[in-house]
N, C-alpha and C. Protein backbone atom coordinates (compact mmCIF):
# COMPACT_ATOMS: atom_id res chain seq x y z
N MET A 1 98.56 -135.05 88.67
CA MET A 1 99.28 -134.68 89.54
C MET A 1 99.07 -134.74 90.81
N LEU A 2 100.24 -135.05 91.48
CA LEU A 2 100.29 -135.52 92.90
C LEU A 2 101.04 -133.97 93.90
N LEU A 3 100.31 -133.61 94.57
CA LEU A 3 100.95 -132.55 95.24
C LEU A 3 100.54 -132.76 96.87
N THR A 4 101.85 -132.21 97.70
CA THR A 4 101.57 -132.24 99.22
C THR A 4 101.60 -130.73 99.43
N LEU A 5 100.68 -130.91 100.58
CA LEU A 5 100.42 -129.52 101.06
C LEU A 5 100.61 -129.37 102.62
N PRO A 6 101.72 -128.51 103.43
CA PRO A 6 101.97 -128.83 104.55
C PRO A 6 100.97 -127.54 105.10
N ASP A 7 100.68 -127.76 106.68
CA ASP A 7 100.30 -127.10 107.57
C ASP A 7 98.88 -126.79 106.97
N VAL A 8 98.02 -127.44 106.33
CA VAL A 8 96.82 -127.27 105.97
C VAL A 8 95.67 -127.21 107.33
N LEU A 9 96.13 -128.22 108.18
CA LEU A 9 95.30 -127.72 109.66
C LEU A 9 96.10 -126.94 110.62
N LEU A 10 95.63 -126.20 111.52
CA LEU A 10 96.30 -124.87 112.41
C LEU A 10 96.47 -126.39 113.71
N LYS A 11 97.60 -125.77 114.50
CA LYS A 11 97.70 -126.57 115.21
C LYS A 11 96.68 -126.81 116.30
N GLU A 12 95.96 -125.68 116.79
CA GLU A 12 94.86 -125.86 117.62
C GLU A 12 93.76 -126.83 116.93
N GLU A 13 93.73 -127.05 115.89
CA GLU A 13 92.78 -127.78 114.84
C GLU A 13 93.12 -129.18 114.99
N LEU A 14 93.94 -129.43 115.22
CA LEU A 14 94.84 -130.81 115.05
C LEU A 14 94.28 -131.23 116.32
N THR A 15 95.04 -130.42 117.63
CA THR A 15 94.96 -131.01 118.91
C THR A 15 93.10 -131.19 119.07
N THR A 16 92.05 -130.32 118.85
CA THR A 16 90.86 -130.48 118.81
C THR A 16 90.75 -132.19 118.17
N ILE A 17 91.14 -132.16 116.88
CA ILE A 17 90.74 -133.59 116.32
C ILE A 17 90.96 -134.61 117.12
N ARG A 18 92.44 -134.49 117.41
CA ARG A 18 93.08 -135.50 118.46
C ARG A 18 92.41 -135.92 119.30
N GLY A 19 91.42 -134.91 120.26
CA GLY A 19 91.02 -134.94 121.08
C GLY A 19 89.49 -135.72 121.22
N LEU A 20 89.04 -135.25 120.07
CA LEU A 20 87.78 -136.04 119.57
C LEU A 20 87.82 -137.48 119.25
N LEU A 21 89.14 -137.76 118.61
CA LEU A 21 89.34 -139.24 118.23
C LEU A 21 89.55 -139.97 119.49
N LYS A 22 89.93 -139.57 120.51
CA LYS A 22 90.00 -140.46 121.89
C LYS A 22 89.01 -141.17 122.22
N GLN A 23 87.62 -140.40 121.84
CA GLN A 23 86.47 -140.83 122.23
C GLN A 23 85.93 -141.78 121.02
N ALA A 24 86.54 -141.98 120.03
CA ALA A 24 85.77 -142.68 118.54
C ALA A 24 85.58 -144.08 119.16
N GLN A 25 84.28 -144.43 118.51
CA GLN A 25 84.08 -145.96 118.48
C GLN A 25 84.14 -146.00 116.93
N TRP A 26 85.12 -146.86 116.40
CA TRP A 26 85.81 -147.23 115.20
C TRP A 26 84.71 -148.38 114.81
N VAL A 27 84.56 -148.50 113.61
CA VAL A 27 83.87 -149.46 112.62
C VAL A 27 84.64 -150.20 111.48
N ASP A 28 83.93 -151.28 111.09
CA ASP A 28 85.04 -151.84 109.71
C ASP A 28 84.82 -150.76 108.91
N GLY A 29 86.13 -150.65 108.06
CA GLY A 29 86.04 -149.46 107.13
C GLY A 29 85.61 -149.74 105.62
N ARG A 30 85.28 -151.27 105.66
CA ARG A 30 84.66 -151.48 104.13
C ARG A 30 83.13 -151.16 104.23
N SER A 31 82.74 -150.36 105.02
CA SER A 31 81.47 -149.72 104.86
C SER A 31 80.95 -148.77 103.75
N THR A 32 82.17 -148.26 103.01
CA THR A 32 82.30 -147.26 102.20
C THR A 32 83.00 -147.67 101.18
N ALA A 33 83.55 -148.84 101.08
CA ALA A 33 84.14 -149.35 99.70
C ALA A 33 83.46 -149.61 98.86
N GLY A 34 83.79 -149.73 97.77
CA GLY A 34 83.06 -150.19 96.61
C GLY A 34 83.48 -151.74 96.46
N THR A 35 82.66 -152.70 95.24
CA THR A 35 82.94 -153.96 95.54
C THR A 35 84.28 -154.44 95.47
N GLN A 36 85.20 -153.95 94.39
CA GLN A 36 86.76 -154.39 94.31
C GLN A 36 87.32 -153.92 95.63
N ALA A 37 87.35 -152.78 95.99
CA ALA A 37 88.11 -152.11 97.11
C ALA A 37 87.54 -152.74 98.63
N ALA A 38 86.52 -153.13 98.60
CA ALA A 38 86.14 -154.03 99.88
C ALA A 38 87.03 -155.42 99.96
N GLN A 39 87.48 -155.48 98.80
CA GLN A 39 88.00 -157.44 99.00
C GLN A 39 89.51 -157.20 99.42
N VAL A 40 89.99 -155.97 99.35
CA VAL A 40 91.46 -155.24 100.07
C VAL A 40 91.55 -154.31 101.14
N LYS A 41 90.33 -153.91 101.56
CA LYS A 41 90.41 -152.92 102.51
C LYS A 41 90.23 -153.49 103.83
N ASN A 42 91.11 -153.10 104.90
CA ASN A 42 91.20 -153.77 106.05
C ASN A 42 91.93 -152.79 107.24
N ASN A 43 90.75 -152.04 107.70
CA ASN A 43 91.15 -150.52 108.11
C ASN A 43 89.94 -150.07 109.22
N GLN A 44 89.66 -149.33 110.09
CA GLN A 44 88.37 -148.80 110.64
C GLN A 44 88.51 -147.50 110.05
N GLN A 45 87.19 -146.98 110.57
CA GLN A 45 86.51 -145.62 110.43
C GLN A 45 85.45 -145.40 111.33
N LEU A 46 85.66 -144.14 111.30
CA LEU A 46 84.08 -143.41 111.95
C LEU A 46 82.88 -143.48 111.15
N ALA A 47 81.85 -144.35 112.23
CA ALA A 47 80.80 -144.44 111.25
C ALA A 47 80.03 -143.23 110.73
N GLU A 48 79.44 -143.34 109.81
CA GLU A 48 78.57 -142.06 109.28
C GLU A 48 77.92 -141.04 110.10
N LEU A 49 76.96 -141.85 111.03
CA LEU A 49 76.07 -141.27 112.07
C LEU A 49 76.83 -140.80 113.27
N ASP A 50 78.17 -141.47 113.48
CA ASP A 50 78.96 -140.65 114.71
C ASP A 50 78.89 -139.09 114.58
N PRO A 51 78.38 -138.55 115.81
CA PRO A 51 78.26 -137.35 115.67
C PRO A 51 79.58 -136.47 115.52
N LEU A 52 80.76 -137.30 116.24
CA LEU A 52 82.14 -136.80 116.21
C LEU A 52 82.30 -136.61 114.87
N LEU A 53 82.23 -137.25 113.76
CA LEU A 53 82.42 -137.04 112.28
C LEU A 53 81.96 -135.91 112.10
N ASP A 54 80.80 -135.61 112.46
CA ASP A 54 80.32 -133.96 111.89
C ASP A 54 81.32 -132.88 112.38
N GLN A 55 81.74 -133.32 114.04
CA GLN A 55 82.93 -132.04 114.32
C GLN A 55 83.81 -131.97 113.49
N ILE A 56 84.53 -133.20 113.36
CA ILE A 56 85.52 -133.37 112.53
C ILE A 56 85.42 -132.85 111.02
N ARG A 57 84.46 -133.07 110.31
CA ARG A 57 84.09 -132.75 108.72
C ARG A 57 84.27 -130.93 109.13
N ARG A 58 83.71 -130.46 109.67
CA ARG A 58 83.39 -128.90 110.01
C ARG A 58 84.96 -128.52 110.07
N ILE A 59 85.65 -129.11 110.90
CA ILE A 59 86.92 -128.11 111.29
C ILE A 59 87.95 -128.77 109.72
N VAL A 60 87.93 -129.53 109.29
CA VAL A 60 88.66 -130.27 108.09
C VAL A 60 88.09 -129.22 106.80
N LEU A 61 86.76 -129.26 106.59
CA LEU A 61 86.40 -128.28 105.50
C LEU A 61 86.60 -126.78 105.69
N GLN A 62 86.63 -126.26 106.70
CA GLN A 62 86.97 -125.01 107.15
C GLN A 62 88.47 -124.70 106.72
N ALA A 63 89.14 -125.90 107.05
CA ALA A 63 90.80 -125.81 106.59
C ALA A 63 90.75 -125.54 105.17
N LEU A 64 90.19 -126.42 104.72
CA LEU A 64 90.59 -126.52 103.04
C LEU A 64 89.66 -125.19 102.19
N HIS A 65 88.72 -124.65 102.65
CA HIS A 65 87.99 -123.68 102.18
C HIS A 65 89.27 -122.37 102.49
N ARG A 66 90.04 -122.37 103.33
CA ARG A 66 90.89 -121.17 103.43
C ARG A 66 92.25 -121.22 102.74
N ASP A 67 92.62 -122.50 102.25
CA ASP A 67 93.90 -122.99 101.75
C ASP A 67 94.11 -122.69 100.23
N PRO A 68 94.53 -121.36 99.70
CA PRO A 68 94.68 -120.99 98.61
C PRO A 68 95.49 -122.35 97.77
N LEU A 69 96.47 -122.71 97.99
CA LEU A 69 97.15 -123.72 97.31
C LEU A 69 96.29 -124.80 96.76
N PHE A 70 95.20 -125.17 97.88
CA PHE A 70 94.38 -126.61 97.94
C PHE A 70 93.27 -126.11 96.87
N PHE A 71 92.94 -124.88 96.90
CA PHE A 71 91.99 -124.71 95.84
C PHE A 71 92.52 -123.93 94.48
N SER A 72 93.47 -123.85 94.56
CA SER A 72 94.36 -123.76 93.07
C SER A 72 94.48 -125.25 92.52
N ALA A 73 94.94 -125.97 93.37
CA ALA A 73 95.73 -127.42 92.81
C ALA A 73 94.12 -128.48 92.46
N ALA A 74 93.14 -128.16 93.37
CA ALA A 74 91.88 -129.10 93.02
C ALA A 74 90.93 -128.53 92.34
N LEU A 75 90.89 -127.02 92.32
CA LEU A 75 89.76 -126.18 91.74
C LEU A 75 88.28 -127.11 92.28
N PRO A 76 88.16 -127.05 93.35
CA PRO A 76 86.75 -127.96 93.92
C PRO A 76 85.70 -127.29 93.36
N ASP A 77 84.51 -128.26 93.23
CA ASP A 77 83.37 -127.89 92.82
C ASP A 77 82.46 -128.49 94.07
N LYS A 78 82.67 -129.57 94.20
CA LYS A 78 81.86 -130.46 95.13
C LYS A 78 83.20 -131.24 96.04
N ILE A 79 83.06 -131.24 97.47
CA ILE A 79 83.61 -131.86 98.17
C ILE A 79 82.86 -132.85 99.03
N LEU A 80 83.11 -134.19 98.83
CA LEU A 80 82.40 -135.22 99.35
C LEU A 80 82.59 -135.20 100.81
N PRO A 81 81.96 -134.96 101.77
CA PRO A 81 82.15 -134.86 103.26
C PRO A 81 83.15 -135.96 103.96
N PRO A 82 84.30 -135.52 104.28
CA PRO A 82 85.42 -136.13 104.71
C PRO A 82 85.26 -137.41 105.40
N PHE A 83 85.99 -138.70 105.16
CA PHE A 83 85.93 -139.51 106.30
C PHE A 83 87.23 -139.77 106.99
N VAL A 84 87.07 -140.13 108.21
CA VAL A 84 88.10 -140.29 109.35
C VAL A 84 88.25 -141.81 109.42
N ASN A 85 89.46 -142.14 108.85
CA ASN A 85 89.96 -143.83 109.20
C ASN A 85 91.28 -144.02 110.38
N ARG A 86 91.26 -145.21 110.54
CA ARG A 86 92.58 -145.69 111.29
C ARG A 86 93.04 -147.06 111.21
N TYR A 87 94.40 -146.79 111.03
CA TYR A 87 95.17 -147.86 110.71
C TYR A 87 95.44 -148.79 112.17
N SER A 88 95.65 -149.87 112.36
CA SER A 88 96.35 -149.82 113.57
C SER A 88 95.88 -151.68 114.04
N GLY A 89 96.88 -152.37 114.81
CA GLY A 89 96.42 -153.60 115.30
C GLY A 89 96.32 -154.53 114.16
N GLU A 90 94.97 -155.39 113.94
CA GLU A 90 95.02 -156.14 112.82
C GLU A 90 94.08 -156.00 111.80
N THR A 91 93.77 -154.61 111.92
CA THR A 91 92.84 -153.72 110.88
C THR A 91 94.13 -152.54 110.52
N ASN A 92 95.36 -152.96 109.57
CA ASN A 92 96.13 -152.29 109.48
C ASN A 92 96.47 -152.00 108.07
N HIS A 93 95.90 -152.09 106.86
CA HIS A 93 96.56 -152.03 105.66
C HIS A 93 95.16 -151.79 104.71
N TYR A 94 95.33 -151.23 103.59
CA TYR A 94 94.38 -151.09 102.52
C TYR A 94 95.05 -151.68 101.07
N GLY A 95 94.92 -152.69 100.55
CA GLY A 95 95.40 -153.12 99.50
C GLY A 95 95.30 -152.49 98.08
N PHE A 96 96.02 -152.63 97.11
CA PHE A 96 96.31 -151.72 95.84
C PHE A 96 94.36 -151.81 94.94
N HIS A 97 93.80 -150.63 94.71
CA HIS A 97 92.81 -150.40 94.62
C HIS A 97 92.65 -149.26 93.65
N VAL A 98 91.25 -148.98 93.10
CA VAL A 98 91.33 -147.57 92.50
C VAL A 98 89.88 -146.89 93.00
N ASP A 99 89.83 -145.59 93.20
CA ASP A 99 88.49 -145.21 94.05
C ASP A 99 87.41 -145.45 93.09
N SER A 100 86.15 -145.30 93.51
CA SER A 100 84.99 -145.44 92.84
C SER A 100 84.62 -144.08 91.98
N ALA A 101 84.42 -144.21 90.76
CA ALA A 101 84.18 -142.85 90.03
C ALA A 101 83.04 -141.82 90.58
N MET A 102 82.20 -142.54 91.07
CA MET A 102 80.99 -141.70 91.64
C MET A 102 80.55 -142.03 93.19
N ARG A 103 80.63 -140.87 93.93
CA ARG A 103 80.30 -141.30 95.29
C ARG A 103 78.72 -140.44 95.43
N SER A 104 77.87 -140.77 96.24
CA SER A 104 76.50 -140.18 96.57
C SER A 104 76.76 -139.30 98.25
N MET A 105 76.30 -138.42 98.05
CA MET A 105 76.40 -137.23 99.38
C MET A 105 75.47 -138.53 100.33
N PRO A 106 76.04 -138.32 101.75
CA PRO A 106 75.26 -138.63 102.84
C PRO A 106 73.99 -138.74 102.73
N ASP A 107 73.49 -137.51 102.48
CA ASP A 107 71.94 -137.25 102.55
C ASP A 107 71.26 -138.00 101.26
N GLY A 108 72.06 -138.56 100.39
CA GLY A 108 71.37 -138.95 99.11
C GLY A 108 70.78 -138.06 98.08
N THR A 109 71.23 -136.63 98.55
CA THR A 109 70.69 -135.43 97.55
C THR A 109 71.48 -135.43 96.17
N ALA A 110 72.58 -136.05 96.14
CA ALA A 110 73.43 -135.53 94.67
C ALA A 110 74.66 -136.50 94.65
N ARG A 111 75.13 -136.72 93.75
CA ARG A 111 76.16 -137.63 93.50
C ARG A 111 77.54 -136.63 93.36
N VAL A 112 78.64 -137.20 93.85
CA VAL A 112 79.98 -136.21 93.66
C VAL A 112 80.85 -137.22 92.68
N ARG A 113 81.25 -136.72 91.28
CA ARG A 113 82.42 -137.64 90.87
C ARG A 113 83.69 -137.16 91.10
N ALA A 114 84.45 -138.24 91.51
CA ALA A 114 85.92 -138.28 92.22
C ALA A 114 86.90 -138.23 91.15
N ASP A 115 86.97 -136.63 90.90
CA ASP A 115 88.30 -136.44 90.18
C ASP A 115 89.48 -136.40 90.97
N VAL A 116 89.49 -135.80 92.18
CA VAL A 116 90.81 -135.71 92.92
C VAL A 116 90.63 -136.24 94.11
N SER A 117 91.71 -137.19 94.92
CA SER A 117 91.26 -137.86 96.21
C SER A 117 92.51 -137.24 96.87
N ALA A 118 92.27 -137.00 98.31
CA ALA A 118 93.16 -136.67 99.23
C ALA A 118 92.92 -137.40 100.83
N THR A 119 94.47 -137.17 100.94
CA THR A 119 94.16 -137.68 102.43
C THR A 119 95.07 -136.62 103.57
N LEU A 120 94.20 -136.32 104.56
CA LEU A 120 95.04 -135.46 105.57
C LEU A 120 95.34 -136.10 106.44
N PHE A 121 96.66 -135.96 106.94
CA PHE A 121 97.39 -136.80 108.19
C PHE A 121 96.94 -136.30 109.64
N PHE A 122 96.43 -136.94 110.35
CA PHE A 122 96.26 -136.30 111.86
C PHE A 122 97.23 -136.64 112.79
N ASN A 123 98.31 -137.59 112.54
CA ASN A 123 99.30 -137.59 113.34
C ASN A 123 100.74 -137.81 112.55
N ASP A 124 102.02 -137.89 113.18
CA ASP A 124 102.93 -137.43 112.82
C ASP A 124 103.89 -139.07 112.34
N PRO A 125 104.51 -138.84 111.32
CA PRO A 125 105.29 -140.04 110.53
C PRO A 125 105.80 -141.14 112.03
N ASP A 126 106.61 -140.23 113.15
CA ASP A 126 107.18 -141.09 114.04
C ASP A 126 106.17 -141.67 115.11
N GLU A 127 104.94 -141.46 114.94
CA GLU A 127 103.96 -142.12 115.83
C GLU A 127 103.77 -143.54 115.18
N TYR A 128 104.20 -143.96 114.27
CA TYR A 128 103.72 -145.30 113.68
C TYR A 128 104.78 -145.86 112.62
N GLU A 129 104.82 -147.21 112.43
CA GLU A 129 105.54 -147.27 111.46
C GLU A 129 105.07 -148.41 110.50
N GLY A 130 105.41 -148.05 109.26
CA GLY A 130 104.42 -148.46 108.31
C GLY A 130 103.46 -147.47 107.58
N GLY A 131 102.29 -147.87 107.01
CA GLY A 131 101.36 -147.05 106.77
C GLY A 131 101.36 -145.91 105.59
N GLU A 132 102.57 -146.11 104.85
CA GLU A 132 102.62 -145.27 103.30
C GLU A 132 101.80 -145.37 102.70
N LEU A 133 101.40 -144.16 102.03
CA LEU A 133 100.25 -144.06 101.27
C LEU A 133 101.22 -144.44 99.68
N VAL A 134 100.87 -145.45 99.18
CA VAL A 134 101.70 -145.58 97.84
C VAL A 134 100.64 -145.44 96.52
N VAL A 135 101.11 -144.63 95.75
CA VAL A 135 100.37 -144.06 94.42
C VAL A 135 101.36 -144.26 93.20
N GLN A 136 100.26 -145.00 92.52
CA GLN A 136 100.95 -145.52 91.11
C GLN A 136 100.36 -144.46 89.98
N ASP A 137 100.90 -143.92 88.94
CA ASP A 137 100.36 -143.12 88.01
C ASP A 137 101.56 -143.02 87.10
N VAL A 138 101.12 -141.79 86.40
CA VAL A 138 102.05 -141.55 85.29
C VAL A 138 103.56 -140.78 85.62
N PHE A 139 103.34 -140.20 87.00
CA PHE A 139 104.32 -139.86 87.40
C PHE A 139 105.21 -140.68 88.28
N GLY A 140 104.84 -142.32 88.11
CA GLY A 140 105.87 -143.06 88.60
C GLY A 140 105.20 -143.57 89.95
N ASP A 141 105.83 -144.67 90.85
CA ASP A 141 105.29 -144.84 92.18
C ASP A 141 105.63 -143.65 93.12
N GLN A 142 104.66 -143.49 94.26
CA GLN A 142 105.25 -142.74 95.02
C GLN A 142 105.00 -143.05 96.31
N ARG A 143 105.69 -142.96 97.18
CA ARG A 143 105.27 -143.49 98.54
C ARG A 143 105.38 -142.37 99.79
N ILE A 144 104.13 -141.84 100.17
CA ILE A 144 103.79 -140.55 100.99
C ILE A 144 103.24 -141.08 102.51
N LYS A 145 104.33 -140.34 103.06
CA LYS A 145 103.80 -140.16 104.71
C LYS A 145 104.36 -139.08 105.20
N LEU A 146 103.55 -138.06 105.38
CA LEU A 146 103.41 -136.68 105.67
C LEU A 146 103.36 -136.35 107.34
N LYS A 147 103.60 -135.19 107.59
CA LYS A 147 103.61 -134.78 109.09
C LYS A 147 102.05 -134.33 109.38
N ALA A 148 101.47 -134.33 110.66
CA ALA A 148 100.09 -134.08 110.85
C ALA A 148 100.19 -132.79 110.59
N GLY A 149 98.56 -132.80 109.58
CA GLY A 149 98.38 -131.22 109.38
C GLY A 149 98.31 -131.19 107.99
N ALA A 150 99.22 -132.14 107.59
CA ALA A 150 99.48 -132.00 105.90
C ALA A 150 98.69 -132.76 105.18
N ILE A 151 98.47 -132.59 104.08
CA ILE A 151 97.45 -133.26 102.88
C ILE A 151 98.43 -133.60 101.46
N VAL A 152 97.91 -134.59 101.12
CA VAL A 152 98.26 -135.28 99.71
C VAL A 152 97.36 -135.51 99.16
N ILE A 153 97.27 -134.60 97.70
CA ILE A 153 96.01 -135.07 96.66
C ILE A 153 96.73 -135.66 95.11
N TYR A 154 95.87 -136.44 94.73
CA TYR A 154 96.53 -137.07 93.40
C TYR A 154 95.30 -137.55 92.72
N PRO A 155 95.37 -137.68 91.63
CA PRO A 155 94.12 -138.26 90.70
C PRO A 155 93.49 -139.30 91.04
N SER A 156 92.19 -139.34 91.40
CA SER A 156 91.24 -140.50 91.69
C SER A 156 91.36 -141.61 90.94
N SER A 157 91.68 -141.88 89.64
CA SER A 157 91.79 -142.65 88.58
C SER A 157 93.32 -143.53 89.14
N SER A 158 94.26 -142.90 89.98
CA SER A 158 95.44 -143.61 90.55
C SER A 158 95.32 -145.09 90.90
N VAL A 159 95.67 -146.03 90.71
CA VAL A 159 96.07 -147.15 91.71
C VAL A 159 96.94 -146.79 92.93
N HIS A 160 96.29 -147.11 94.11
CA HIS A 160 96.93 -146.43 95.25
C HIS A 160 96.75 -147.80 96.31
N ALA A 161 97.43 -147.71 97.34
CA ALA A 161 97.36 -148.61 98.84
C ALA A 161 97.76 -147.81 99.77
N VAL A 162 97.64 -148.25 100.85
CA VAL A 162 98.30 -148.01 102.20
C VAL A 162 99.01 -149.35 102.68
N THR A 163 100.37 -149.30 102.96
CA THR A 163 100.81 -150.60 103.45
C THR A 163 100.71 -150.48 104.84
N PRO A 164 101.12 -151.81 105.24
CA PRO A 164 100.44 -152.39 106.66
C PRO A 164 101.20 -151.52 107.70
N VAL A 165 100.43 -150.83 108.92
CA VAL A 165 101.05 -150.36 110.12
C VAL A 165 101.33 -151.30 111.20
N ILE A 166 102.56 -151.33 111.33
CA ILE A 166 103.00 -152.65 111.95
C ILE A 166 103.42 -152.11 113.21
N ARG A 167 103.43 -151.01 113.57
CA ARG A 167 103.62 -150.16 115.10
C ARG A 167 102.84 -148.78 115.17
N GLY A 168 102.00 -148.75 116.50
CA GLY A 168 101.30 -147.75 116.57
C GLY A 168 99.98 -147.26 115.69
N GLU A 169 99.50 -146.40 115.61
CA GLU A 169 98.21 -146.19 114.48
C GLU A 169 98.19 -144.96 113.69
N ARG A 170 97.87 -145.15 112.64
CA ARG A 170 97.61 -144.07 111.71
C ARG A 170 96.44 -143.77 111.69
N LEU A 171 96.18 -142.14 111.86
CA LEU A 171 95.04 -141.50 111.85
C LEU A 171 95.20 -140.45 110.57
N ALA A 172 94.03 -140.45 109.97
CA ALA A 172 94.14 -139.72 108.66
C ALA A 172 92.56 -139.42 108.26
N SER A 173 92.16 -138.14 107.66
CA SER A 173 90.86 -138.03 106.72
C SER A 173 91.01 -138.37 105.41
N PHE A 174 90.27 -138.91 104.61
CA PHE A 174 90.34 -139.12 103.45
C PHE A 174 88.89 -138.58 102.60
N MET A 175 89.24 -137.90 101.35
CA MET A 175 88.11 -137.34 100.54
C MET A 175 88.14 -137.24 99.44
N PHE A 176 86.97 -137.20 98.69
CA PHE A 176 87.07 -137.25 97.21
C PHE A 176 86.54 -135.89 96.93
N ILE A 177 87.12 -135.31 95.69
CA ILE A 177 86.65 -133.85 95.02
C ILE A 177 86.11 -133.99 93.79
N GLN A 178 85.19 -133.57 93.56
CA GLN A 178 84.63 -133.13 92.18
C GLN A 178 85.13 -132.16 91.38
N SER A 179 86.10 -131.62 90.75
CA SER A 179 86.76 -130.50 90.39
C SER A 179 85.91 -129.86 89.22
N MET A 180 85.88 -128.48 89.20
CA MET A 180 85.30 -127.46 88.36
C MET A 180 85.79 -127.89 87.00
N VAL A 181 87.03 -128.33 86.58
CA VAL A 181 87.92 -128.50 85.85
C VAL A 181 88.11 -130.35 85.65
N ARG A 182 87.43 -131.03 84.67
CA ARG A 182 87.30 -132.45 84.91
C ARG A 182 88.68 -132.87 84.27
N ASP A 183 88.93 -131.99 83.31
CA ASP A 183 90.35 -132.86 82.44
C ASP A 183 91.43 -132.45 83.33
N ALA A 184 92.34 -133.55 84.01
CA ALA A 184 93.57 -133.53 84.71
C ALA A 184 94.56 -132.73 83.97
N ALA A 185 94.86 -132.70 82.83
CA ALA A 185 95.69 -131.98 82.07
C ALA A 185 95.61 -130.33 82.12
N HIS A 186 94.49 -130.06 81.82
CA HIS A 186 94.07 -128.98 81.76
C HIS A 186 94.06 -128.34 83.39
N ARG A 187 93.62 -129.14 84.62
CA ARG A 187 94.02 -128.46 86.05
C ARG A 187 95.58 -128.59 86.03
N ARG A 188 96.22 -129.23 85.76
CA ARG A 188 97.62 -129.36 85.89
C ARG A 188 98.18 -127.50 85.50
N MET A 189 97.83 -127.38 84.20
CA MET A 189 98.17 -126.38 83.54
C MET A 189 97.86 -125.14 84.12
N LEU A 190 96.57 -124.99 84.49
CA LEU A 190 96.22 -124.04 85.24
C LEU A 190 96.80 -123.66 86.68
N PHE A 191 97.16 -124.66 87.39
CA PHE A 191 98.02 -124.67 88.56
C PHE A 191 99.35 -124.29 88.18
N ASP A 192 100.09 -124.89 87.21
CA ASP A 192 101.05 -124.02 86.76
C ASP A 192 101.29 -122.50 86.53
N MET A 193 100.42 -122.35 85.53
CA MET A 193 99.69 -120.85 85.42
C MET A 193 99.76 -119.96 86.66
N ASP A 194 98.55 -120.72 87.68
CA ASP A 194 98.51 -119.61 88.81
C ASP A 194 99.79 -119.50 89.57
N MET A 195 100.54 -120.35 89.78
CA MET A 195 101.89 -120.60 90.74
C MET A 195 102.76 -119.29 89.92
N ALA A 196 103.06 -119.43 88.68
CA ALA A 196 103.78 -118.64 87.99
C ALA A 196 103.47 -117.03 88.28
N LEU A 197 102.08 -116.84 88.10
CA LEU A 197 101.31 -115.59 87.64
C LEU A 197 101.81 -115.11 89.62
N VAL A 198 101.62 -115.91 90.67
CA VAL A 198 102.01 -115.64 91.98
C VAL A 198 103.56 -114.91 92.17
N ARG A 199 104.40 -115.89 91.27
CA ARG A 199 105.90 -115.41 91.49
C ARG A 199 105.97 -114.10 90.65
N LEU A 200 105.47 -113.81 89.44
CA LEU A 200 105.48 -112.73 88.62
C LEU A 200 105.05 -111.56 89.51
N ARG A 201 103.64 -111.84 90.22
CA ARG A 201 103.24 -110.37 90.96
C ARG A 201 104.15 -110.13 91.93
N GLN A 202 104.78 -111.10 92.81
CA GLN A 202 105.67 -110.97 93.88
C GLN A 202 106.92 -110.07 93.36
N GLN A 203 107.24 -110.50 92.40
CA GLN A 203 108.70 -109.97 91.80
C GLN A 203 108.65 -108.68 91.34
N HIS A 204 107.21 -108.31 90.30
CA HIS A 204 107.38 -107.30 89.49
C HIS A 204 105.85 -106.43 89.64
N GLY A 205 104.83 -106.86 90.96
CA GLY A 205 103.69 -106.53 90.84
C GLY A 205 102.96 -106.46 89.90
N GLU A 206 101.98 -105.74 89.84
CA GLU A 206 100.62 -105.84 89.20
C GLU A 206 101.08 -105.34 87.52
N THR A 207 101.73 -105.71 87.02
CA THR A 207 102.31 -104.75 85.68
C THR A 207 101.41 -105.22 84.89
N PRO A 208 101.01 -104.14 83.39
CA PRO A 208 100.09 -104.83 82.55
C PRO A 208 100.37 -106.23 81.95
N GLU A 209 101.49 -106.68 81.98
CA GLU A 209 101.68 -108.10 81.14
C GLU A 209 100.98 -109.10 82.08
N VAL A 210 101.45 -108.71 83.48
CA VAL A 210 100.58 -109.89 84.68
C VAL A 210 99.44 -109.94 84.64
N VAL A 211 98.96 -108.40 84.47
CA VAL A 211 97.17 -108.47 84.28
C VAL A 211 96.64 -109.13 83.17
N GLN A 212 97.59 -108.95 81.83
CA GLN A 212 96.93 -109.98 80.72
C GLN A 212 97.18 -111.12 80.73
N LEU A 213 98.16 -111.85 81.49
CA LEU A 213 98.16 -112.96 82.12
C LEU A 213 97.48 -113.65 82.84
N THR A 214 96.91 -112.72 83.61
CA THR A 214 95.68 -113.20 84.59
C THR A 214 94.43 -113.23 83.86
N GLY A 215 94.10 -112.17 82.96
CA GLY A 215 93.07 -112.20 82.23
C GLY A 215 92.98 -113.61 81.50
N ILE A 216 94.31 -114.29 80.79
CA ILE A 216 94.13 -115.63 79.96
C ILE A 216 94.01 -116.54 81.34
N TYR A 217 94.61 -116.81 82.43
CA TYR A 217 94.11 -117.86 83.29
C TYR A 217 92.72 -117.85 83.50
N HIS A 218 91.97 -117.02 83.75
CA HIS A 218 90.43 -116.96 83.79
C HIS A 218 89.61 -117.15 82.84
N ASN A 219 90.23 -116.64 81.74
CA ASN A 219 89.60 -117.05 80.34
C ASN A 219 89.72 -118.50 80.05
N LEU A 220 90.66 -119.01 80.56
CA LEU A 220 90.78 -120.59 80.33
C LEU A 220 89.93 -121.45 81.47
N LEU A 221 89.56 -121.04 82.56
CA LEU A 221 88.98 -121.45 83.72
C LEU A 221 88.11 -121.48 83.23
N ARG A 222 87.03 -120.38 82.39
CA ARG A 222 85.96 -120.33 82.02
C ARG A 222 85.65 -121.20 81.03
N GLN A 223 86.36 -121.42 80.32
CA GLN A 223 86.58 -121.94 79.07
C GLN A 223 86.29 -123.80 79.78
N TRP A 224 87.22 -124.06 80.61
CA TRP A 224 86.96 -125.50 80.85
C TRP A 224 86.40 -126.02 81.86
N ALA A 225 85.96 -124.94 82.83
CA ALA A 225 85.22 -125.17 83.87
C ALA A 225 83.71 -125.90 83.35
N LEU A 226 83.01 -126.86 84.19
CA LEU A 226 81.87 -127.45 83.68
C LEU A 226 80.59 -126.38 84.33
C-alpha cells in the first residue's frame, strides 16, 4: 500500500525545523546506506551525532504519534529514529534501490525490521525542480512530490529512487518502521476496515453492528500482530 497523508507537521513545527536546518552541517548521505544502495546514493544528510538531528527527530516523532491515519496505515511497533536529508547542487539524486531489511538503532540496543518506509517533506514542490520520489511496486510506478508537512508511506520492499534535483534544494526526513502486522496484505485489510468503520460511525453512530465489526477488527489485529 502506498499512501500519502497531508499536514502531518503543524505550520509552527515546519517553521522550527526549517530554522534549525539553516544551521545544518551536511555530510555524505552514503553513511547510512547499505552496500547496494551506497553505489547509487548521491545526497547529503545530517550526521548521527549532530544535536540538530535530535531536535528534529523529537518534532517528527511527536507528529507521527498524534496522527491517527499514520497509526492506522503503518500500525507501528518500532520506528527507527528518522533521518534528515538534502538533495541539491552536485549531490542531487538517489538511484533505484531497495531499503535494507534490518536496521540497527543508533545506540545499538536493538534492530528494527523495515516493513514500511516513509518520506516526510520539509519544503514545497515549487521550491525545487526535480526530486520526485519514484516508487515501483504492484500498484504501478508512482511519482510523488508532496507539500511541506505531508508524508508518503510505502512498502520497504519496493524499488524506489529520487530523481535529480536540478533547481533549489529538497529537504525531507526519511524513516523505517517495523509494523505490529508484518504481512502487507493484512495491514491493508486492517486499514480498509478501520476507514470503513470510521465512516460507518460518522453516519450511524455506535450501532450494535458497528460495535460488532469493531470487535472483529481488534480480534484480527490481535491474531495478526507479532
